[in-house]
Amino acid sequence: SFNIPPRIHQRYDACDENNWELVNDRFPLSNACGQLDMSYQDMHCSEEEAYMECPVKPEMEQYALTSALWFQAPAPFYCGPKSKYPTTGFWDYELGRENNKDAYANSRGRVDVEGCCWWGRGAMQTRGTCNYG
């Protein structure tokens, strides 16, 4: 039912997708690129809708506005070029901050956030390059 997502949006104030997928008990910052073994930047339009697809631009930067509200929850997603974020680490929920000392991969092996500006947004958690054009 289409009335469920707006209620979820209102209840959890989830305008942007939350970083919720743990990899070996940590929240990789590169989850912005995809969770549940998905790569959001590789989600393309059907042939009929290809004209609506947005290009993936490595230099693009984006910062989510919302994140989960639980205690010490991961910060909002962000993306940007490797020149600015060569590698990313994980969210240290015990300290409530990012730990970028060492690269930490998401479930697909990503350790950067270049071209990863396609996380879920809005009540329907729209994600991928086709759903914004």
N, C-alpha and C. Protein backbone atom coordinates (compact mmCIF):
# COMPACT_ATOMS: atom_id res chain seq x y z
N SER A 1 0.84 -1.18 0.00
CA SER A 1 0.00 0.00 0.00
C SER A 1 0.88 1.25 0.00
N PHE A 2 0.48 2.25 -0.76
CA PHE A 2 1.28 3.46 -0.86
C PHE A 2 1.16 4.35 0.38
N ASN A 3 0.24 4.06 1.27
CA ASN A 3 0.14 4.88 2.47
C ASN A 3 1.14 4.46 3.55
N ILE A 4 1.77 3.31 3.42
CA ILE A 4 2.73 2.85 4.42
C ILE A 4 4.02 3.67 4.40
N PRO A 5 4.68 3.87 3.26
CA PRO A 5 5.93 4.63 3.29
C PRO A 5 5.81 6.03 3.90
N PRO A 6 4.75 6.81 3.59
CA PRO A 6 4.66 8.11 4.26
C PRO A 6 4.58 8.00 5.78
N ARG A 7 3.90 6.97 6.28
CA ARG A 7 3.84 6.80 7.73
C ARG A 7 5.21 6.47 8.29
N ILE A 8 5.96 5.63 7.58
CA ILE A 8 7.32 5.32 8.02
C ILE A 8 8.16 6.59 8.01
N HIS A 9 8.02 7.36 6.94
CA HIS A 9 8.75 8.63 6.82
C HIS A 9 8.42 9.54 8.00
N GLN A 10 7.15 9.66 8.32
CA GLN A 10 6.74 10.54 9.41
C GLN A 10 7.19 10.00 10.76
N ARG A 11 7.08 8.70 10.95
CA ARG A 11 7.43 8.12 12.25
C ARG A 11 8.92 8.22 12.54
N TYR A 12 9.76 7.94 11.53
CA TYR A 12 11.20 7.89 11.75
C TYR A 12 11.94 9.10 11.21
N ASP A 13 11.22 10.08 10.64
CA ASP A 13 11.83 11.27 10.07
C ASP A 13 12.94 10.86 9.10
N ALA A 14 12.65 9.87 8.26
CA ALA A 14 13.65 9.28 7.38
C ALA A 14 13.56 9.86 5.98
N CYS A 15 14.05 11.06 5.81
CA CYS A 15 14.09 11.65 4.48
C CYS A 15 15.20 10.98 3.65
N ASP A 16 16.34 10.75 4.27
CA ASP A 16 17.46 10.07 3.62
C ASP A 16 17.61 8.66 4.20
N GLU A 17 18.10 7.77 3.37
CA GLU A 17 18.34 6.40 3.81
C GLU A 17 19.33 6.39 4.97
N ASN A 18 19.06 5.55 5.95
CA ASN A 18 19.96 5.40 7.09
C ASN A 18 21.06 4.39 6.80
N ASN A 19 22.20 4.59 7.41
CA ASN A 19 23.29 3.62 7.37
C ASN A 19 23.00 2.58 8.44
N TRP A 20 22.47 1.43 8.03
CA TRP A 20 22.03 0.44 9.00
C TRP A 20 22.63 -0.94 8.78
N GLU A 21 23.33 -1.17 7.67
CA GLU A 21 23.86 -2.51 7.41
C GLU A 21 25.24 -2.68 8.04
N LEU A 22 25.30 -3.59 8.99
CA LEU A 22 26.57 -3.91 9.65
C LEU A 22 27.39 -4.87 8.79
N VAL A 23 28.69 -4.64 8.75
CA VAL A 23 29.64 -5.56 8.13
C VAL A 23 30.67 -5.86 9.21
N ASN A 24 30.67 -7.10 9.68
CA ASN A 24 31.54 -7.49 10.79
C ASN A 24 31.41 -6.54 11.98
N ASP A 25 30.18 -6.29 12.38
CA ASP A 25 29.83 -5.47 13.55
C ASP A 25 30.20 -4.00 13.42
N ARG A 26 30.35 -3.51 12.18
CA ARG A 26 30.64 -2.09 11.97
C ARG A 26 29.77 -1.55 10.83
N PHE A 27 29.53 -0.25 10.86
CA PHE A 27 28.77 0.42 9.81
C PHE A 27 29.75 1.09 8.84
N PRO A 28 30.03 0.48 7.68
CA PRO A 28 30.94 1.12 6.73
C PRO A 28 30.37 2.45 6.23
N LEU A 29 31.21 3.45 6.12
CA LEU A 29 30.77 4.73 5.56
C LEU A 29 30.45 4.58 4.09
N SER A 30 31.07 3.59 3.44
CA SER A 30 30.80 3.34 2.03
C SER A 30 29.45 2.66 1.80
N ASN A 31 28.66 2.45 2.86
CA ASN A 31 27.29 1.98 2.67
C ASN A 31 26.48 3.00 1.87
N ALA A 32 26.97 4.23 1.76
CA ALA A 32 26.31 5.22 0.90
C ALA A 32 26.24 4.71 -0.54
N CYS A 33 27.16 3.83 -0.93
CA CYS A 33 27.19 3.28 -2.28
C CYS A 33 26.16 2.18 -2.48
N GLY A 34 25.67 1.62 -1.39
CA GLY A 34 24.67 0.57 -1.49
C GLY A 34 24.68 -0.34 -0.27
N GLN A 35 23.51 -0.81 0.09
CA GLN A 35 23.35 -1.77 1.18
C GLN A 35 22.60 -2.98 0.63
N LEU A 36 22.57 -4.05 1.40
CA LEU A 36 21.93 -5.31 0.97
C LEU A 36 22.51 -5.80 -0.36
N ASP A 37 23.81 -5.71 -0.50
CA ASP A 37 24.54 -6.18 -1.68
C ASP A 37 24.11 -5.47 -2.97
N MET A 38 23.62 -4.23 -2.84
CA MET A 38 23.26 -3.44 -4.02
C MET A 38 24.33 -2.39 -4.27
N SER A 39 24.46 -1.99 -5.53
CA SER A 39 25.29 -0.86 -5.92
C SER A 39 24.36 0.15 -6.56
N TYR A 40 24.01 1.19 -5.81
CA TYR A 40 23.00 2.13 -6.27
C TYR A 40 23.39 2.84 -7.57
N GLN A 41 24.67 3.13 -7.74
CA GLN A 41 25.09 3.83 -8.95
C GLN A 41 25.00 2.92 -10.18
N ASP A 42 24.87 1.64 -9.98
CA ASP A 42 24.73 0.69 -11.10
C ASP A 42 23.28 0.29 -11.35
N MET A 43 22.36 0.92 -10.68
CA MET A 43 20.93 0.67 -10.91
C MET A 43 20.50 1.57 -12.06
N HIS A 44 20.24 0.98 -13.22
CA HIS A 44 19.94 1.74 -14.43
C HIS A 44 18.48 1.66 -14.82
N CYS A 45 18.09 2.58 -15.70
CA CYS A 45 16.73 2.63 -16.22
C CYS A 45 16.49 1.50 -17.21
N SER A 46 15.23 1.17 -17.39
CA SER A 46 14.86 0.26 -18.46
C SER A 46 15.12 0.98 -19.78
N GLU A 47 15.13 0.24 -20.86
CA GLU A 47 15.37 0.82 -22.17
C GLU A 47 14.35 1.92 -22.49
N GLU A 48 13.10 1.71 -22.12
CA GLU A 48 12.05 2.70 -22.38
C GLU A 48 12.24 3.99 -21.58
N GLU A 49 12.90 3.90 -20.43
CA GLU A 49 13.06 5.06 -19.57
C GLU A 49 14.49 5.59 -19.54
N ALA A 50 15.33 5.10 -20.43
CA ALA A 50 16.75 5.47 -20.44
C ALA A 50 16.96 6.98 -20.56
N TYR A 51 16.06 7.68 -21.20
CA TYR A 51 16.18 9.12 -21.36
C TYR A 51 16.12 9.87 -20.03
N MET A 52 15.62 9.22 -18.98
CA MET A 52 15.50 9.85 -17.66
C MET A 52 16.72 9.60 -16.78
N GLU A 53 17.62 8.75 -17.21
CA GLU A 53 18.73 8.35 -16.35
C GLU A 53 19.72 9.49 -16.12
N CYS A 54 20.13 9.65 -14.90
CA CYS A 54 21.14 10.65 -14.54
C CYS A 54 22.53 10.04 -14.69
N PRO A 55 23.48 10.81 -15.18
CA PRO A 55 24.84 10.28 -15.30
C PRO A 55 25.53 10.22 -13.94
N VAL A 56 26.36 9.21 -13.74
CA VAL A 56 27.18 9.12 -12.54
C VAL A 56 28.42 9.98 -12.79
N LYS A 57 28.61 10.98 -11.95
CA LYS A 57 29.74 11.89 -12.09
C LYS A 57 30.68 11.72 -10.90
N PRO A 58 31.91 11.27 -11.16
CA PRO A 58 32.84 11.02 -10.05
C PRO A 58 33.09 12.25 -9.18
N GLU A 59 33.01 13.44 -9.75
CA GLU A 59 33.29 14.66 -8.99
C GLU A 59 32.10 15.16 -8.16
N MET A 60 30.95 14.54 -8.31
CA MET A 60 29.74 14.97 -7.61
C MET A 60 29.90 14.81 -6.10
N GLU A 61 29.38 15.80 -5.36
CA GLU A 61 29.35 15.72 -3.90
C GLU A 61 27.94 15.94 -3.42
N GLN A 62 27.55 15.18 -2.43
CA GLN A 62 26.20 15.29 -1.87
C GLN A 62 26.28 14.92 -0.39
N TYR A 63 25.45 15.57 0.41
CA TYR A 63 25.41 15.30 1.84
C TYR A 63 23.95 15.08 2.25
N ALA A 64 23.68 13.94 2.83
CA ALA A 64 22.32 13.67 3.32
C ALA A 64 22.02 14.61 4.48
N LEU A 65 20.75 14.84 4.71
CA LEU A 65 20.34 15.74 5.80
C LEU A 65 19.88 15.00 7.04
N THR A 66 19.39 13.78 6.85
CA THR A 66 18.85 13.05 8.00
C THR A 66 19.58 11.72 8.17
N SER A 67 19.49 11.21 9.37
CA SER A 67 20.04 9.88 9.69
C SER A 67 19.19 9.28 10.80
N ALA A 68 19.50 8.05 11.15
CA ALA A 68 18.75 7.37 12.21
C ALA A 68 18.85 8.16 13.51
N LEU A 69 17.85 8.00 14.36
CA LEU A 69 17.79 8.79 15.59
C LEU A 69 18.20 8.00 16.84
N TRP A 70 18.57 6.73 16.68
CA TRP A 70 18.93 5.99 17.88
C TRP A 70 20.27 6.48 18.43
N PHE A 71 20.53 6.22 19.70
CA PHE A 71 21.74 6.68 20.38
C PHE A 71 22.98 6.21 19.64
N GLN A 72 23.89 7.14 19.35
CA GLN A 72 25.17 6.88 18.67
C GLN A 72 24.98 6.33 17.26
N ALA A 73 23.84 6.63 16.63
CA ALA A 73 23.57 6.16 15.27
C ALA A 73 24.56 6.77 14.28
N PRO A 74 24.83 6.06 13.18
CA PRO A 74 25.73 6.59 12.16
C PRO A 74 25.25 7.95 11.63
N ALA A 75 26.20 8.77 11.29
CA ALA A 75 25.92 10.09 10.72
C ALA A 75 25.28 9.94 9.34
N PRO A 76 24.70 11.02 8.81
CA PRO A 76 24.11 10.95 7.47
C PRO A 76 25.14 10.56 6.40
N PHE A 77 24.64 9.93 5.34
CA PHE A 77 25.49 9.56 4.22
C PHE A 77 26.08 10.79 3.54
N TYR A 78 27.19 10.59 2.86
CA TYR A 78 27.78 11.60 2.00
C TYR A 78 28.52 10.89 0.88
N CYS A 79 28.78 11.61 -0.19
CA CYS A 79 29.57 11.07 -1.29
C CYS A 79 30.47 12.17 -1.81
N GLY A 80 31.52 11.77 -2.49
CA GLY A 80 32.44 12.74 -3.07
C GLY A 80 33.58 12.03 -3.78
N PRO A 81 34.38 12.80 -4.50
CA PRO A 81 35.46 12.22 -5.30
C PRO A 81 36.59 11.62 -4.44
N LYS A 82 37.31 10.69 -5.04
CA LYS A 82 38.46 10.07 -4.34
C LYS A 82 39.52 11.10 -4.00
N SER A 83 39.57 12.20 -4.74
CA SER A 83 40.55 13.25 -4.42
C SER A 83 40.26 13.87 -3.05
N LYS A 84 39.01 13.85 -2.63
CA LYS A 84 38.62 14.38 -1.32
C LYS A 84 38.50 13.28 -0.27
N TYR A 85 37.97 12.13 -0.69
CA TYR A 85 37.79 10.97 0.20
C TYR A 85 38.45 9.75 -0.44
N PRO A 86 39.78 9.63 -0.36
CA PRO A 86 40.45 8.51 -1.04
C PRO A 86 39.97 7.14 -0.55
N THR A 87 39.74 7.05 0.74
CA THR A 87 39.14 5.85 1.34
C THR A 87 38.27 6.30 2.50
N THR A 88 37.33 5.45 2.86
CA THR A 88 36.49 5.73 4.02
C THR A 88 36.55 4.57 4.98
N GLY A 89 36.29 4.86 6.21
CA GLY A 89 36.34 3.84 7.25
C GLY A 89 34.95 3.39 7.68
N PHE A 90 34.68 3.50 8.96
CA PHE A 90 33.41 3.02 9.50
C PHE A 90 32.92 3.99 10.57
N TRP A 91 31.65 3.85 10.94
CA TRP A 91 31.07 4.63 12.01
C TRP A 91 31.32 3.88 13.31
N ASP A 92 32.05 4.52 14.23
CA ASP A 92 32.33 3.93 15.53
C ASP A 92 31.17 4.29 16.46
N TYR A 93 30.24 3.36 16.62
CA TYR A 93 29.05 3.67 17.42
C TYR A 93 29.34 3.75 18.91
N GLU A 94 30.46 3.22 19.36
CA GLU A 94 30.82 3.37 20.78
C GLU A 94 31.27 4.79 21.08
N LEU A 95 31.98 5.41 20.13
CA LEU A 95 32.45 6.78 20.32
C LEU A 95 31.53 7.82 19.67
N GLY A 96 30.62 7.35 18.80
CA GLY A 96 29.69 8.26 18.14
C GLY A 96 30.35 9.15 17.11
N ARG A 97 31.30 8.58 16.34
CA ARG A 97 31.99 9.38 15.31
C ARG A 97 32.60 8.48 14.24
N GLU A 98 33.01 9.10 13.15
CA GLU A 98 33.68 8.36 12.08
C GLU A 98 35.07 7.93 12.50
N ASN A 99 35.48 6.77 12.00
CA ASN A 99 36.86 6.31 12.17
C ASN A 99 37.39 6.04 10.76
N ASN A 100 38.22 6.93 10.28
CA ASN A 100 38.80 6.81 8.94
C ASN A 100 40.28 6.45 8.97
N LYS A 101 40.73 5.91 10.11
CA LYS A 101 42.15 5.55 10.24
C LYS A 101 42.54 4.54 9.17
N ASP A 102 41.69 3.55 8.95
CA ASP A 102 41.93 2.53 7.92
C ASP A 102 40.70 2.40 7.05
N ALA A 103 40.91 2.02 5.80
CA ALA A 103 39.78 1.78 4.89
C ALA A 103 38.96 0.61 5.42
N TYR A 104 37.63 0.73 5.30
CA TYR A 104 36.73 -0.33 5.74
C TYR A 104 35.66 -0.54 4.69
N ALA A 105 35.60 -1.74 4.16
CA ALA A 105 34.73 -2.04 3.01
C ALA A 105 33.29 -2.34 3.40
N ASN A 106 32.38 -1.95 2.50
CA ASN A 106 30.98 -2.36 2.65
C ASN A 106 30.83 -3.80 2.15
N SER A 107 29.62 -4.31 2.08
CA SER A 107 29.41 -5.72 1.72
C SER A 107 29.81 -6.04 0.28
N ARG A 108 29.97 -5.03 -0.57
CA ARG A 108 30.41 -5.24 -1.96
C ARG A 108 31.89 -4.92 -2.15
N GLY A 109 32.59 -4.58 -1.07
CA GLY A 109 34.02 -4.32 -1.15
C GLY A 109 34.41 -2.88 -1.42
N ARG A 110 33.45 -1.96 -1.42
CA ARG A 110 33.76 -0.54 -1.67
C ARG A 110 34.40 0.08 -0.43
N VAL A 111 35.46 0.84 -0.63
CA VAL A 111 36.11 1.56 0.46
C VAL A 111 36.17 3.06 0.17
N ASP A 112 35.39 3.51 -0.82
CA ASP A 112 35.33 4.92 -1.16
C ASP A 112 33.86 5.30 -1.38
N VAL A 113 33.62 6.59 -1.61
CA VAL A 113 32.25 7.05 -1.85
C VAL A 113 32.15 7.84 -3.16
N GLU A 114 33.08 7.61 -4.07
CA GLU A 114 33.06 8.31 -5.36
C GLU A 114 31.92 7.79 -6.23
N GLY A 115 31.12 8.70 -6.74
CA GLY A 115 29.98 8.33 -7.58
C GLY A 115 28.84 7.68 -6.82
N CYS A 116 28.86 7.78 -5.51
CA CYS A 116 27.89 7.07 -4.66
C CYS A 116 26.81 7.98 -4.09
N CYS A 117 26.29 8.86 -4.91
CA CYS A 117 25.31 9.85 -4.44
C CYS A 117 23.88 9.42 -4.69
N TRP A 118 23.61 8.13 -4.73
CA TRP A 118 22.30 7.62 -5.17
C TRP A 118 21.57 6.84 -4.09
N TRP A 119 21.86 7.12 -2.80
CA TRP A 119 21.16 6.42 -1.70
C TRP A 119 19.70 6.82 -1.68
N GLY A 120 18.92 6.06 -0.93
CA GLY A 120 17.48 6.28 -0.88
C GLY A 120 17.10 7.62 -0.29
N ARG A 121 16.06 8.22 -0.91
CA ARG A 121 15.56 9.52 -0.45
C ARG A 121 14.04 9.54 -0.50
N GLY A 122 13.46 10.31 0.38
CA GLY A 122 12.02 10.51 0.38
C GLY A 122 11.25 9.38 1.02
N ALA A 123 9.95 9.54 1.04
CA ALA A 123 9.07 8.57 1.68
C ALA A 123 9.17 7.19 1.04
N MET A 124 9.44 7.14 -0.26
CA MET A 124 9.55 5.86 -0.96
C MET A 124 10.98 5.33 -0.98
N GLN A 125 11.92 6.07 -0.39
CA GLN A 125 13.34 5.70 -0.39
C GLN A 125 13.82 5.39 -1.80
N THR A 126 13.52 6.29 -2.72
CA THR A 126 13.94 6.18 -4.12
C THR A 126 15.45 6.17 -4.19
N ARG A 127 16.01 5.21 -4.92
CA ARG A 127 17.46 5.12 -5.06
C ARG A 127 17.82 4.69 -6.47
N GLY A 128 19.07 4.92 -6.83
CA GLY A 128 19.55 4.55 -8.16
C GLY A 128 19.52 5.72 -9.13
N THR A 129 20.17 5.57 -10.27
CA THR A 129 20.35 6.67 -11.22
C THR A 129 19.10 6.96 -12.05
N CYS A 130 18.14 6.08 -12.07
CA CYS A 130 16.97 6.27 -12.93
C CYS A 130 15.87 7.07 -12.25
N ASN A 131 15.81 7.05 -10.98
CA ASN A 131 14.63 7.56 -10.29
C ASN A 131 14.67 9.04 -9.94
N TYR A 132 15.65 9.78 -10.42
CA TYR A 132 15.75 11.20 -10.10
C TYR A 132 15.54 12.09 -11.32
N GLY A 133 15.64 11.54 -12.52
CA GLY A 133 15.61 12.34 -13.76
C GLY A 133 14.26 12.88 -14.10
